[in-house]
């Protein structure tokens, strides 16, 4: 796995977590 894809997945996960916190 490339570094860019790892960073991309981490940023997506953090975005999803933020959205979940907003909807809860």
Foldseek 3Di string as FASTA:
>chain_A
DDPVVVVVVVVVVVVVVVVVVVVD
